């Protein structure tokens, strides 16, 4: 944004001085207005539409990971294990059981120079989730970049052991690759926390 302001100021000064007499017969206000409009469109194109393409270029992807796109999402929850423990089953019994609940869906990640957004859609339609905030933390050295997000979940017709709304957060590792195909991470929620059933689990996003 500062660069845009500097360029606009330089254009205004150049037009005002008119060292070559080029603009003497042209309305200076019109020229300045056009230059501001053109530059603003250029900045908008760079930050909104061109940015994902720039992230795929040599060196750039090391600073700005290319995660823009659509993904198949798989989320594994520990809820069945928590429910079984609440029903009186011992941890020894649970070790032999596959009690992990898998939820499938799709995730869309959109990136610009100044913003990252996520939307999630579950295939079972039992619940919906809205991502409230996203933040990218760049990794130091050989450490992966990380994407943090906060979301709100809503259940229209909850079961007796569920709740209508809850909050959650997640952390996803972004591999040091030019165009990552798979993103893995963890998530946790305050869902039914007052009954000791607040859930956590793993997430995997696979690029479509």
N, C-alpha and C. Protein backbone atom coordinates (compact mmCIF):
# COMPACT_ATOMS: atom_id res chain seq x y z
N UNK A 1 0.83 -1.20 0.00
CA UNK A 1 0.00 0.00 0.00
C UNK A 1 0.86 1.26 0.00
N UNK A 2 1.97 1.25 0.75
CA UNK A 2 2.87 2.40 0.77
C UNK A 2 3.47 2.65 -0.61
N UNK A 3 3.81 1.56 -1.31
CA UNK A 3 4.37 1.70 -2.65
C UNK A 3 3.37 2.38 -3.57
N UNK A 4 2.10 1.99 -3.47
CA UNK A 4 1.06 2.60 -4.31
C UNK A 4 0.94 4.09 -4.04
N UNK A 5 1.02 4.47 -2.78
CA UNK A 5 0.93 5.89 -2.44
C UNK A 5 2.13 6.67 -2.98
N UNK A 6 3.33 6.08 -2.88
CA UNK A 6 4.53 6.75 -3.39
C UNK A 6 4.44 6.94 -4.91
N UNK A 7 3.98 5.90 -5.60
CA UNK A 7 3.87 6.00 -7.06
C UNK A 7 2.84 7.05 -7.45
N UNK A 8 1.70 7.07 -6.74
CA UNK A 8 0.68 8.08 -7.03
C UNK A 8 1.23 9.48 -6.82
N UNK A 9 1.98 9.69 -5.73
CA UNK A 9 2.56 10.99 -5.45
C UNK A 9 3.55 11.40 -6.54
N UNK A 10 4.36 10.45 -7.00
CA UNK A 10 5.33 10.74 -8.05
C UNK A 10 4.64 11.14 -9.35
N UNK A 11 3.53 10.47 -9.67
CA UNK A 11 2.79 10.80 -10.89
C UNK A 11 2.21 12.21 -10.80
N UNK A 12 1.64 12.55 -9.63
CA UNK A 12 1.06 13.88 -9.45
C UNK A 12 2.12 14.97 -9.60
N UNK A 13 3.30 14.76 -8.99
CA UNK A 13 4.38 15.75 -9.08
C UNK A 13 4.86 15.90 -10.52
N UNK A 14 5.01 14.77 -11.22
CA UNK A 14 5.49 14.81 -12.60
C UNK A 14 4.52 15.57 -13.49
N UNK A 15 3.21 15.29 -13.30
CA UNK A 15 2.20 15.96 -14.12
C UNK A 15 2.15 17.45 -13.81
N UNK A 16 2.30 17.80 -12.51
CA UNK A 16 2.25 19.20 -12.12
C UNK A 16 3.41 19.99 -12.69
N UNK A 17 4.61 19.41 -12.69
CA UNK A 17 5.78 20.10 -13.23
C UNK A 17 5.76 20.14 -14.75
N UNK A 18 5.26 19.06 -15.37
CA UNK A 18 5.15 18.95 -16.82
C UNK A 18 6.43 19.45 -17.52
N UNK A 19 7.55 18.79 -17.28
CA UNK A 19 8.83 19.28 -17.82
C UNK A 19 8.90 19.28 -19.34
N UNK A 20 8.09 18.48 -20.00
CA UNK A 20 8.14 18.39 -21.46
C UNK A 20 6.94 19.05 -22.14
N UNK A 21 6.08 19.66 -21.36
CA UNK A 21 4.92 20.33 -21.94
C UNK A 21 3.90 19.40 -22.54
N UNK A 22 3.90 18.15 -22.10
CA UNK A 22 3.00 17.15 -22.68
C UNK A 22 1.58 17.34 -22.20
N UNK A 23 1.42 17.77 -20.94
CA UNK A 23 0.09 17.81 -20.34
C UNK A 23 -0.51 19.21 -20.29
N UNK A 24 0.09 20.17 -20.99
CA UNK A 24 -0.36 21.56 -20.90
C UNK A 24 -1.80 21.75 -21.36
N UNK A 25 -2.25 20.96 -22.31
CA UNK A 25 -3.61 21.13 -22.84
C UNK A 25 -4.59 20.10 -22.28
N UNK A 26 -4.15 19.37 -21.28
CA UNK A 26 -5.00 18.32 -20.72
C UNK A 26 -5.34 18.67 -19.28
N UNK A 27 -6.56 18.39 -18.89
CA UNK A 27 -7.01 18.65 -17.52
C UNK A 27 -6.21 17.80 -16.55
N UNK A 28 -5.48 18.47 -15.66
CA UNK A 28 -4.62 17.75 -14.72
C UNK A 28 -5.40 16.84 -13.79
N UNK A 29 -6.61 17.28 -13.42
CA UNK A 29 -7.43 16.45 -12.54
C UNK A 29 -7.78 15.13 -13.21
N UNK A 30 -8.10 15.19 -14.49
CA UNK A 30 -8.45 13.98 -15.23
C UNK A 30 -7.27 13.02 -15.29
N UNK A 31 -6.07 13.57 -15.53
CA UNK A 31 -4.87 12.73 -15.63
C UNK A 31 -4.59 12.03 -14.31
N UNK A 32 -4.65 12.80 -13.23
CA UNK A 32 -4.39 12.23 -11.91
C UNK A 32 -5.43 11.16 -11.57
N UNK A 33 -6.68 11.44 -11.89
CA UNK A 33 -7.75 10.48 -11.60
C UNK A 33 -7.54 9.18 -12.35
N UNK A 34 -7.17 9.29 -13.62
CA UNK A 34 -6.94 8.09 -14.44
C UNK A 34 -5.74 7.31 -13.89
N UNK A 35 -4.67 8.02 -13.54
CA UNK A 35 -3.47 7.33 -13.05
C UNK A 35 -3.76 6.60 -11.75
N UNK A 36 -4.53 7.23 -10.87
CA UNK A 36 -4.89 6.59 -9.60
C UNK A 36 -5.75 5.35 -9.85
N UNK A 37 -6.70 5.47 -10.78
CA UNK A 37 -7.58 4.34 -11.08
C UNK A 37 -6.80 3.17 -11.66
N UNK A 38 -5.91 3.46 -12.61
CA UNK A 38 -5.11 2.40 -13.24
C UNK A 38 -4.22 1.72 -12.22
N UNK A 39 -3.57 2.53 -11.38
CA UNK A 39 -2.67 1.96 -10.39
C UNK A 39 -3.43 1.14 -9.37
N UNK A 40 -4.59 1.61 -8.98
CA UNK A 40 -5.41 0.87 -8.01
C UNK A 40 -5.84 -0.47 -8.57
N UNK A 41 -6.23 -0.48 -9.85
CA UNK A 41 -6.60 -1.75 -10.49
C UNK A 41 -5.42 -2.70 -10.55
N UNK A 42 -4.23 -2.14 -10.81
CA UNK A 42 -3.03 -2.96 -10.86
C UNK A 42 -2.71 -3.58 -9.52
N UNK A 43 -2.82 -2.78 -8.46
CA UNK A 43 -2.58 -3.30 -7.11
C UNK A 43 -3.61 -4.36 -6.75
N UNK A 44 -4.88 -4.11 -7.11
CA UNK A 44 -5.94 -5.07 -6.83
C UNK A 44 -5.70 -6.39 -7.54
N UNK A 45 -5.30 -6.32 -8.82
CA UNK A 45 -5.02 -7.54 -9.58
C UNK A 45 -3.86 -8.31 -8.98
N UNK A 46 -2.84 -7.58 -8.54
CA UNK A 46 -1.66 -8.24 -7.96
C UNK A 46 -2.02 -8.96 -6.67
N UNK A 47 -2.78 -8.30 -5.79
CA UNK A 47 -3.06 -8.86 -4.48
C UNK A 47 -4.17 -9.91 -4.50
N UNK A 48 -5.10 -9.81 -5.44
CA UNK A 48 -6.25 -10.71 -5.42
C UNK A 48 -6.13 -11.88 -6.39
N UNK A 49 -5.74 -11.62 -7.62
CA UNK A 49 -5.80 -12.65 -8.66
C UNK A 49 -4.44 -13.20 -9.05
N UNK A 50 -3.44 -12.36 -9.08
CA UNK A 50 -2.12 -12.80 -9.55
C UNK A 50 -1.33 -13.47 -8.43
N UNK A 51 -1.63 -13.13 -7.19
CA UNK A 51 -0.83 -13.61 -6.06
C UNK A 51 -0.69 -15.13 -6.01
N UNK A 52 -1.78 -15.92 -6.15
CA UNK A 52 -1.61 -17.38 -6.11
C UNK A 52 -0.64 -17.89 -7.18
N UNK A 53 -0.63 -17.26 -8.35
CA UNK A 53 0.31 -17.67 -9.41
C UNK A 53 1.74 -17.31 -9.03
N UNK A 54 1.94 -16.15 -8.41
CA UNK A 54 3.27 -15.75 -7.98
C UNK A 54 3.83 -16.72 -6.94
N UNK A 55 2.95 -17.30 -6.12
CA UNK A 55 3.40 -18.22 -5.08
C UNK A 55 4.00 -19.50 -5.64
N UNK A 56 3.76 -19.78 -6.92
CA UNK A 56 4.30 -21.00 -7.53
C UNK A 56 5.65 -20.78 -8.19
N UNK A 57 6.12 -19.55 -8.23
CA UNK A 57 7.36 -19.23 -8.91
C UNK A 57 8.57 -19.58 -8.05
N UNK A 58 9.73 -19.81 -8.71
CA UNK A 58 10.96 -20.13 -7.96
C UNK A 58 11.23 -19.09 -6.87
N UNK A 59 11.66 -19.57 -5.73
CA UNK A 59 11.99 -18.77 -4.55
C UNK A 59 10.74 -18.23 -3.85
N UNK A 60 9.75 -17.76 -4.62
CA UNK A 60 8.56 -17.18 -4.00
C UNK A 60 7.83 -18.20 -3.12
N UNK A 61 7.72 -19.46 -3.59
CA UNK A 61 6.96 -20.45 -2.83
C UNK A 61 7.61 -20.78 -1.49
N UNK A 62 8.89 -20.47 -1.34
CA UNK A 62 9.55 -20.69 -0.05
C UNK A 62 9.09 -19.67 0.98
N UNK A 63 8.71 -18.48 0.52
CA UNK A 63 8.25 -17.43 1.42
C UNK A 63 6.74 -17.42 1.57
N UNK A 64 6.05 -17.67 0.44
CA UNK A 64 4.59 -17.66 0.42
C UNK A 64 4.11 -19.01 -0.10
N UNK A 65 3.80 -19.96 0.77
CA UNK A 65 3.41 -21.31 0.33
C UNK A 65 2.15 -21.28 -0.54
N UNK A 66 2.16 -22.09 -1.59
CA UNK A 66 1.04 -22.15 -2.53
C UNK A 66 0.01 -23.14 -2.01
N UNK A 67 -0.92 -22.67 -1.20
CA UNK A 67 -1.96 -23.53 -0.65
C UNK A 67 -3.34 -23.16 -1.19
N UNK A 68 -3.40 -22.19 -2.09
CA UNK A 68 -4.67 -21.79 -2.69
C UNK A 68 -5.24 -22.95 -3.49
N UNK A 69 -6.53 -23.29 -3.26
CA UNK A 69 -7.15 -24.35 -4.04
C UNK A 69 -8.24 -25.08 -3.26
N UNK A 70 -8.74 -26.16 -3.86
CA UNK A 70 -9.79 -26.98 -3.27
C UNK A 70 -9.21 -28.33 -2.87
N UNK A 71 -9.72 -28.87 -1.75
CA UNK A 71 -9.18 -30.10 -1.18
C UNK A 71 -10.29 -31.03 -0.73
N UNK A 72 -10.01 -32.34 -0.82
CA UNK A 72 -10.81 -33.33 -0.09
C UNK A 72 -10.34 -33.28 1.35
N UNK A 73 -11.27 -33.29 2.28
CA UNK A 73 -10.93 -33.19 3.70
C UNK A 73 -11.36 -34.46 4.44
N UNK A 74 -10.50 -34.95 5.31
CA UNK A 74 -10.82 -36.07 6.18
C UNK A 74 -10.47 -35.67 7.60
N UNK A 75 -11.43 -35.78 8.50
CA UNK A 75 -11.21 -35.43 9.90
C UNK A 75 -11.52 -36.63 10.77
N UNK A 76 -10.57 -37.03 11.59
CA UNK A 76 -10.74 -38.16 12.49
C UNK A 76 -10.94 -37.64 13.90
N UNK A 77 -12.06 -38.02 14.52
CA UNK A 77 -12.42 -37.51 15.84
C UNK A 77 -12.29 -38.60 16.90
N UNK A 78 -11.97 -38.18 18.11
CA UNK A 78 -11.89 -39.11 19.24
C UNK A 78 -13.22 -39.25 19.97
N UNK A 79 -14.29 -38.68 19.42
CA UNK A 79 -15.58 -38.68 20.11
C UNK A 79 -16.07 -40.09 20.48
N UNK A 80 -16.02 -41.08 19.57
CA UNK A 80 -16.50 -42.41 19.96
C UNK A 80 -15.76 -42.97 21.17
N UNK A 81 -14.47 -42.70 21.28
CA UNK A 81 -13.71 -43.17 22.43
C UNK A 81 -14.15 -42.46 23.72
N UNK A 82 -14.35 -41.14 23.63
CA UNK A 82 -14.81 -40.40 24.79
C UNK A 82 -16.18 -40.88 25.25
N UNK A 83 -17.06 -41.13 24.29
CA UNK A 83 -18.41 -41.61 24.61
C UNK A 83 -18.36 -42.99 25.25
N UNK A 84 -17.50 -43.87 24.73
CA UNK A 84 -17.37 -45.21 25.30
C UNK A 84 -16.84 -45.16 26.73
N UNK A 85 -15.89 -44.27 26.99
CA UNK A 85 -15.36 -44.12 28.34
C UNK A 85 -16.42 -43.56 29.28
N UNK A 86 -17.24 -42.62 28.77
CA UNK A 86 -18.31 -42.06 29.58
C UNK A 86 -19.36 -43.12 29.91
N UNK A 87 -19.50 -44.13 29.06
CA UNK A 87 -20.46 -45.22 29.28
C UNK A 87 -19.90 -46.32 30.17
N UNK A 88 -18.67 -46.14 30.65
CA UNK A 88 -18.11 -47.09 31.61
C UNK A 88 -17.14 -48.11 31.07
N UNK A 89 -16.77 -48.01 29.80
CA UNK A 89 -15.79 -48.96 29.25
C UNK A 89 -14.39 -48.58 29.72
N UNK A 90 -13.55 -49.58 29.95
CA UNK A 90 -12.19 -49.32 30.42
C UNK A 90 -11.29 -48.98 29.23
N UNK A 91 -10.17 -48.33 29.54
CA UNK A 91 -9.22 -47.99 28.48
C UNK A 91 -8.61 -49.24 27.85
N UNK A 92 -8.50 -50.33 28.62
CA UNK A 92 -7.96 -51.58 28.08
C UNK A 92 -8.88 -52.14 27.01
N UNK A 93 -10.19 -52.02 27.23
CA UNK A 93 -11.15 -52.49 26.23
C UNK A 93 -11.05 -51.66 24.95
N UNK A 94 -10.84 -50.36 25.12
CA UNK A 94 -10.85 -49.46 23.98
C UNK A 94 -9.64 -49.64 23.09
N UNK A 95 -8.55 -50.16 23.63
CA UNK A 95 -7.33 -50.31 22.85
C UNK A 95 -7.51 -51.26 21.67
N UNK A 96 -8.43 -52.20 21.80
CA UNK A 96 -8.63 -53.19 20.74
C UNK A 96 -9.72 -52.78 19.75
N UNK A 97 -10.33 -51.65 19.98
CA UNK A 97 -11.45 -51.22 19.14
C UNK A 97 -11.02 -50.04 18.25
N UNK A 98 -11.56 -50.04 17.03
CA UNK A 98 -11.34 -48.90 16.14
C UNK A 98 -12.49 -47.92 16.35
N UNK A 99 -12.29 -46.97 17.26
CA UNK A 99 -13.37 -46.08 17.66
C UNK A 99 -13.24 -44.68 17.07
N UNK A 100 -12.42 -44.52 16.10
CA UNK A 100 -12.22 -43.20 15.52
C UNK A 100 -13.30 -42.90 14.48
N UNK A 101 -13.94 -41.77 14.62
CA UNK A 101 -15.01 -41.36 13.71
C UNK A 101 -14.44 -40.50 12.60
N UNK A 102 -14.63 -40.88 11.36
CA UNK A 102 -14.12 -40.12 10.22
C UNK A 102 -15.23 -39.29 9.60
N UNK A 103 -14.95 -38.02 9.41
CA UNK A 103 -15.89 -37.11 8.76
C UNK A 103 -15.25 -36.63 7.46
N UNK A 104 -15.96 -36.81 6.37
CA UNK A 104 -15.45 -36.41 5.07
C UNK A 104 -16.10 -35.11 4.62
N UNK A 105 -15.38 -34.38 3.80
CA UNK A 105 -15.93 -33.13 3.28
C UNK A 105 -14.98 -32.51 2.28
N UNK A 106 -15.20 -31.26 1.97
CA UNK A 106 -14.33 -30.50 1.08
C UNK A 106 -13.94 -29.18 1.74
N UNK A 107 -12.74 -28.73 1.43
CA UNK A 107 -12.23 -27.47 1.96
C UNK A 107 -11.73 -26.62 0.80
N UNK A 108 -12.06 -25.34 0.84
CA UNK A 108 -11.53 -24.38 -0.13
C UNK A 108 -10.67 -23.37 0.62
N UNK A 109 -9.44 -23.18 0.14
CA UNK A 109 -8.53 -22.20 0.73
C UNK A 109 -8.26 -21.15 -0.33
N UNK A 110 -8.45 -19.89 0.03
CA UNK A 110 -8.21 -18.79 -0.89
C UNK A 110 -7.18 -17.84 -0.26
N UNK A 111 -6.17 -17.50 -1.04
CA UNK A 111 -5.09 -16.66 -0.53
C UNK A 111 -4.93 -15.40 -1.39
N UNK A 112 -4.64 -14.29 -0.70
CA UNK A 112 -4.22 -13.06 -1.37
C UNK A 112 -2.98 -12.57 -0.62
N UNK A 113 -2.45 -11.45 -1.07
CA UNK A 113 -1.27 -10.90 -0.41
C UNK A 113 -1.56 -10.51 1.03
N UNK A 114 -2.80 -10.16 1.33
CA UNK A 114 -3.13 -9.64 2.65
C UNK A 114 -4.11 -10.51 3.43
N UNK A 115 -4.58 -11.63 2.86
CA UNK A 115 -5.63 -12.37 3.54
C UNK A 115 -5.61 -13.85 3.17
N UNK A 116 -6.03 -14.69 4.11
CA UNK A 116 -6.24 -16.12 3.88
C UNK A 116 -7.63 -16.46 4.39
N UNK A 117 -8.41 -17.19 3.60
CA UNK A 117 -9.74 -17.60 4.02
C UNK A 117 -9.94 -19.08 3.74
N UNK A 118 -10.80 -19.72 4.55
CA UNK A 118 -11.12 -21.13 4.40
C UNK A 118 -12.63 -21.32 4.51
N UNK A 119 -13.16 -22.25 3.71
CA UNK A 119 -14.55 -22.67 3.86
C UNK A 119 -14.57 -24.19 3.86
N UNK A 120 -15.42 -24.76 4.71
CA UNK A 120 -15.52 -26.22 4.84
C UNK A 120 -16.96 -26.66 4.65
N UNK A 121 -17.14 -27.76 3.94
CA UNK A 121 -18.47 -28.33 3.74
C UNK A 121 -18.41 -29.83 4.00
N UNK A 122 -19.15 -30.29 5.02
CA UNK A 122 -19.17 -31.72 5.36
C UNK A 122 -20.17 -32.45 4.47
N UNK A 123 -19.86 -33.69 4.13
CA UNK A 123 -20.72 -34.45 3.25
C UNK A 123 -21.94 -35.03 3.97
N UNK A 124 -21.83 -35.22 5.30
CA UNK A 124 -22.95 -35.84 6.00
C UNK A 124 -24.06 -34.85 6.38
N UNK A 125 -23.79 -33.55 6.27
CA UNK A 125 -24.78 -32.50 6.50
C UNK A 125 -25.32 -32.48 7.93
N UNK A 126 -24.75 -33.29 8.83
CA UNK A 126 -25.20 -33.26 10.24
C UNK A 126 -24.82 -31.94 10.90
N UNK A 127 -23.65 -31.44 10.54
CA UNK A 127 -23.19 -30.17 11.11
C UNK A 127 -22.57 -29.30 10.02
N UNK A 128 -22.50 -28.01 10.29
CA UNK A 128 -21.84 -27.08 9.39
C UNK A 128 -20.78 -26.32 10.18
N UNK A 129 -19.75 -25.87 9.49
CA UNK A 129 -18.68 -25.14 10.15
C UNK A 129 -18.36 -23.87 9.37
N UNK A 130 -18.12 -22.80 10.10
CA UNK A 130 -17.70 -21.53 9.50
C UNK A 130 -16.35 -21.14 10.08
N UNK A 131 -15.36 -20.96 9.20
CA UNK A 131 -14.04 -20.55 9.66
C UNK A 131 -14.06 -19.06 9.94
N UNK A 132 -13.74 -18.69 11.18
CA UNK A 132 -13.82 -17.30 11.60
C UNK A 132 -12.53 -16.53 11.36
N UNK A 133 -11.40 -17.23 11.44
CA UNK A 133 -10.12 -16.54 11.30
C UNK A 133 -9.05 -17.53 10.87
N UNK A 134 -8.12 -17.05 10.02
CA UNK A 134 -6.98 -17.85 9.57
C UNK A 134 -5.70 -17.03 9.72
N UNK A 135 -4.62 -17.71 10.02
CA UNK A 135 -3.34 -17.02 10.16
C UNK A 135 -2.22 -17.95 9.72
N UNK A 136 -1.30 -17.42 8.92
CA UNK A 136 -0.16 -18.21 8.44
C UNK A 136 1.08 -17.81 9.22
N UNK A 137 1.76 -18.81 9.77
CA UNK A 137 3.04 -18.57 10.46
C UNK A 137 4.14 -19.21 9.63
N UNK A 138 5.07 -18.39 9.18
CA UNK A 138 6.16 -18.91 8.36
C UNK A 138 7.17 -19.64 9.23
N UNK A 139 7.59 -20.82 8.77
CA UNK A 139 8.53 -21.62 9.53
C UNK A 139 9.95 -21.08 9.42
N UNK A 140 10.71 -21.27 10.45
CA UNK A 140 12.10 -20.85 10.46
C UNK A 140 13.00 -22.04 10.13
N UNK A 141 14.06 -21.75 9.39
CA UNK A 141 14.97 -22.82 9.01
C UNK A 141 14.27 -23.85 8.15
N UNK A 142 14.36 -25.12 8.55
CA UNK A 142 13.72 -26.20 7.82
C UNK A 142 12.35 -26.57 8.38
N UNK A 143 11.88 -25.82 9.36
CA UNK A 143 10.57 -26.10 9.96
C UNK A 143 9.46 -25.76 8.95
N UNK A 144 8.38 -26.52 8.98
CA UNK A 144 7.29 -26.24 8.03
C UNK A 144 6.55 -24.96 8.37
N UNK A 145 5.94 -24.35 7.35
CA UNK A 145 4.99 -23.28 7.61
C UNK A 145 3.78 -23.89 8.31
N UNK A 146 3.03 -23.06 9.02
CA UNK A 146 1.84 -23.56 9.70
C UNK A 146 0.66 -22.63 9.47
N UNK A 147 -0.49 -23.26 9.25
CA UNK A 147 -1.74 -22.52 9.08
C UNK A 147 -2.61 -22.77 10.32
N UNK A 148 -2.92 -21.69 11.03
CA UNK A 148 -3.79 -21.77 12.20
C UNK A 148 -5.17 -21.23 11.83
N UNK A 149 -6.20 -21.84 12.38
CA UNK A 149 -7.54 -21.34 12.10
C UNK A 149 -8.47 -21.57 13.30
N UNK A 150 -9.47 -20.72 13.40
CA UNK A 150 -10.52 -20.82 14.42
C UNK A 150 -11.85 -20.95 13.70
N UNK A 151 -12.71 -21.85 14.17
CA UNK A 151 -13.98 -22.07 13.49
C UNK A 151 -15.12 -22.21 14.48
N UNK A 152 -16.32 -22.01 13.99
CA UNK A 152 -17.55 -22.22 14.77
C UNK A 152 -18.37 -23.30 14.09
N UNK A 153 -18.77 -24.30 14.87
CA UNK A 153 -19.60 -25.38 14.35
C UNK A 153 -21.04 -25.24 14.81
N UNK A 154 -21.95 -25.61 13.94
CA UNK A 154 -23.38 -25.55 14.28
C UNK A 154 -24.05 -26.88 13.92
N UNK A 155 -24.93 -27.33 14.80
CA UNK A 155 -25.70 -28.57 14.58
C UNK A 155 -27.18 -28.21 14.65
N UNK A 156 -27.88 -28.39 13.55
CA UNK A 156 -29.28 -27.98 13.48
C UNK A 156 -30.17 -28.86 14.35
N UNK A 157 -29.95 -30.17 14.31
CA UNK A 157 -30.77 -31.10 15.08
C UNK A 157 -29.84 -32.04 15.85
N UNK A 158 -29.27 -31.56 16.98
CA UNK A 158 -28.26 -32.36 17.68
C UNK A 158 -28.85 -33.58 18.39
N UNK A 159 -28.01 -34.60 18.54
CA UNK A 159 -28.38 -35.76 19.34
C UNK A 159 -28.36 -35.35 20.82
N UNK A 160 -28.86 -36.21 21.67
CA UNK A 160 -28.97 -35.88 23.09
C UNK A 160 -27.60 -35.65 23.73
N UNK A 161 -26.56 -36.23 23.16
CA UNK A 161 -25.21 -36.06 23.71
C UNK A 161 -24.42 -34.98 22.99
N UNK A 162 -25.10 -34.19 22.17
CA UNK A 162 -24.41 -33.17 21.39
C UNK A 162 -24.93 -31.79 21.76
N UNK A 163 -24.38 -30.76 21.12
CA UNK A 163 -24.76 -29.38 21.38
C UNK A 163 -25.03 -28.66 20.07
N UNK A 164 -25.75 -27.55 20.13
CA UNK A 164 -26.13 -26.84 18.91
C UNK A 164 -24.99 -26.03 18.31
N UNK A 165 -24.07 -25.56 19.12
CA UNK A 165 -22.96 -24.77 18.59
C UNK A 165 -21.72 -24.98 19.45
N UNK A 166 -20.58 -24.80 18.86
CA UNK A 166 -19.32 -24.97 19.57
C UNK A 166 -18.22 -24.25 18.81
N UNK A 167 -17.11 -24.03 19.47
CA UNK A 167 -15.94 -23.40 18.87
C UNK A 167 -14.79 -24.40 18.80
N UNK A 168 -13.92 -24.18 17.84
CA UNK A 168 -12.77 -25.05 17.70
C UNK A 168 -11.61 -24.33 17.04
N UNK A 169 -10.47 -24.97 17.03
CA UNK A 169 -9.27 -24.41 16.41
C UNK A 169 -8.45 -25.55 15.82
N UNK A 170 -7.59 -25.20 14.89
CA UNK A 170 -6.76 -26.20 14.25
C UNK A 170 -5.40 -25.67 13.87
N UNK A 171 -4.47 -26.58 13.65
CA UNK A 171 -3.10 -26.24 13.24
C UNK A 171 -2.69 -27.22 12.15
N UNK A 172 -2.32 -26.71 10.99
CA UNK A 172 -1.97 -27.54 9.85
C UNK A 172 -0.54 -27.25 9.42
N UNK A 173 0.26 -28.30 9.28
CA UNK A 173 1.63 -28.17 8.78
C UNK A 173 1.61 -28.10 7.26
N UNK A 174 2.40 -27.18 6.71
CA UNK A 174 2.50 -27.02 5.26
C UNK A 174 3.89 -27.46 4.83
N UNK A 175 3.99 -28.55 4.06
CA UNK A 175 5.31 -29.05 3.64
C UNK A 175 6.09 -28.01 2.83
N UNK A 176 7.40 -28.09 2.91
CA UNK A 176 8.26 -27.20 2.13
C UNK A 176 8.35 -27.71 0.70
N UNK A 177 7.23 -27.57 -0.02
CA UNK A 177 7.14 -28.01 -1.40
C UNK A 177 6.60 -26.88 -2.26
N UNK A 178 6.88 -26.98 -3.56
CA UNK A 178 6.45 -25.90 -4.47
C UNK A 178 4.94 -25.81 -4.54
N UNK A 179 4.26 -26.93 -4.57
CA UNK A 179 2.79 -26.96 -4.60
C UNK A 179 2.34 -28.18 -3.79
N UNK A 180 2.19 -28.02 -2.48
CA UNK A 180 1.86 -29.16 -1.62
C UNK A 180 0.58 -29.87 -2.04
N UNK A 181 0.64 -31.20 -2.04
CA UNK A 181 -0.53 -32.00 -2.40
C UNK A 181 -1.35 -32.40 -1.19
N UNK A 182 -0.67 -32.62 -0.06
CA UNK A 182 -1.34 -33.10 1.16
C UNK A 182 -0.94 -32.21 2.33
N UNK A 183 -1.94 -31.78 3.11
CA UNK A 183 -1.72 -30.99 4.31
C UNK A 183 -2.27 -31.75 5.50
N UNK A 184 -1.43 -31.96 6.52
CA UNK A 184 -1.84 -32.70 7.71
C UNK A 184 -1.79 -31.81 8.94
N UNK A 185 -2.67 -32.09 9.88
CA UNK A 185 -2.66 -31.31 11.11
C UNK A 185 -3.56 -31.89 12.17
N UNK A 186 -3.84 -31.07 13.18
CA UNK A 186 -4.67 -31.46 14.31
C UNK A 186 -5.73 -30.39 14.56
N UNK A 187 -6.79 -30.79 15.26
CA UNK A 187 -7.82 -29.82 15.65
C UNK A 187 -8.37 -30.22 17.02
N UNK A 188 -9.03 -29.28 17.66
CA UNK A 188 -9.66 -29.53 18.95
C UNK A 188 -10.83 -28.57 19.11
N UNK A 189 -11.82 -28.95 19.93
CA UNK A 189 -13.02 -28.14 20.10
C UNK A 189 -13.43 -28.10 21.59
N UNK A 190 -14.39 -27.20 21.89
CA UNK A 190 -15.00 -27.18 23.22
C UNK A 190 -16.37 -27.85 23.19
N UNK A 191 -16.59 -28.70 22.22
CA UNK A 191 -17.87 -29.37 22.02
C UNK A 191 -18.19 -30.28 23.22
N UNK A 192 -19.31 -30.04 23.88
CA UNK A 192 -19.75 -30.82 25.05
C UNK A 192 -18.68 -30.90 26.13
N UNK A 193 -17.95 -29.80 26.33
CA UNK A 193 -16.87 -29.80 27.31
C UNK A 193 -17.38 -30.01 28.74
N UNK A 194 -18.60 -29.52 29.02
CA UNK A 194 -19.14 -29.63 30.38
C UNK A 194 -19.47 -31.07 30.75
N UNK A 195 -19.53 -31.95 29.76
CA UNK A 195 -19.73 -33.38 30.02
C UNK A 195 -18.44 -34.18 29.82
N UNK A 196 -17.33 -33.46 29.65
CA UNK A 196 -16.05 -34.14 29.46
C UNK A 196 -15.92 -34.79 28.11
N UNK A 197 -16.69 -34.31 27.13
CA UNK A 197 -16.69 -34.94 25.80
C UNK A 197 -16.11 -34.02 24.73
N UNK A 198 -15.37 -32.98 25.12
CA UNK A 198 -14.81 -32.08 24.10
C UNK A 198 -13.84 -32.85 23.21
N UNK A 199 -14.03 -32.67 21.92
CA UNK A 199 -13.38 -33.53 20.93
C UNK A 199 -12.06 -32.95 20.42
N UNK A 200 -11.26 -33.83 19.87
CA UNK A 200 -10.00 -33.47 19.20
C UNK A 200 -9.74 -34.55 18.17
N UNK A 201 -8.78 -34.28 17.29
CA UNK A 201 -8.49 -35.28 16.28
C UNK A 201 -7.49 -34.80 15.25
N UNK A 202 -7.44 -35.52 14.14
CA UNK A 202 -6.51 -35.24 13.06
C UNK A 202 -7.26 -34.76 11.83
N UNK A 203 -6.60 -33.95 11.02
CA UNK A 203 -7.18 -33.51 9.76
C UNK A 203 -6.18 -33.78 8.64
N UNK A 204 -6.71 -34.10 7.48
CA UNK A 204 -5.88 -34.26 6.28
C UNK A 204 -6.60 -33.65 5.10
N UNK A 205 -5.94 -32.71 4.42
CA UNK A 205 -6.47 -32.10 3.22
C UNK A 205 -5.65 -32.62 2.02
N UNK A 206 -6.36 -33.18 1.03
CA UNK A 206 -5.70 -33.69 -0.18
C UNK A 206 -6.18 -32.88 -1.37
N UNK A 207 -5.26 -32.26 -2.07
CA UNK A 207 -5.61 -31.35 -3.17
C UNK A 207 -6.35 -32.07 -4.28
N UNK A 208 -7.41 -31.45 -4.76
CA UNK A 208 -8.20 -32.01 -5.87
C UNK A 208 -7.53 -31.74 -7.20
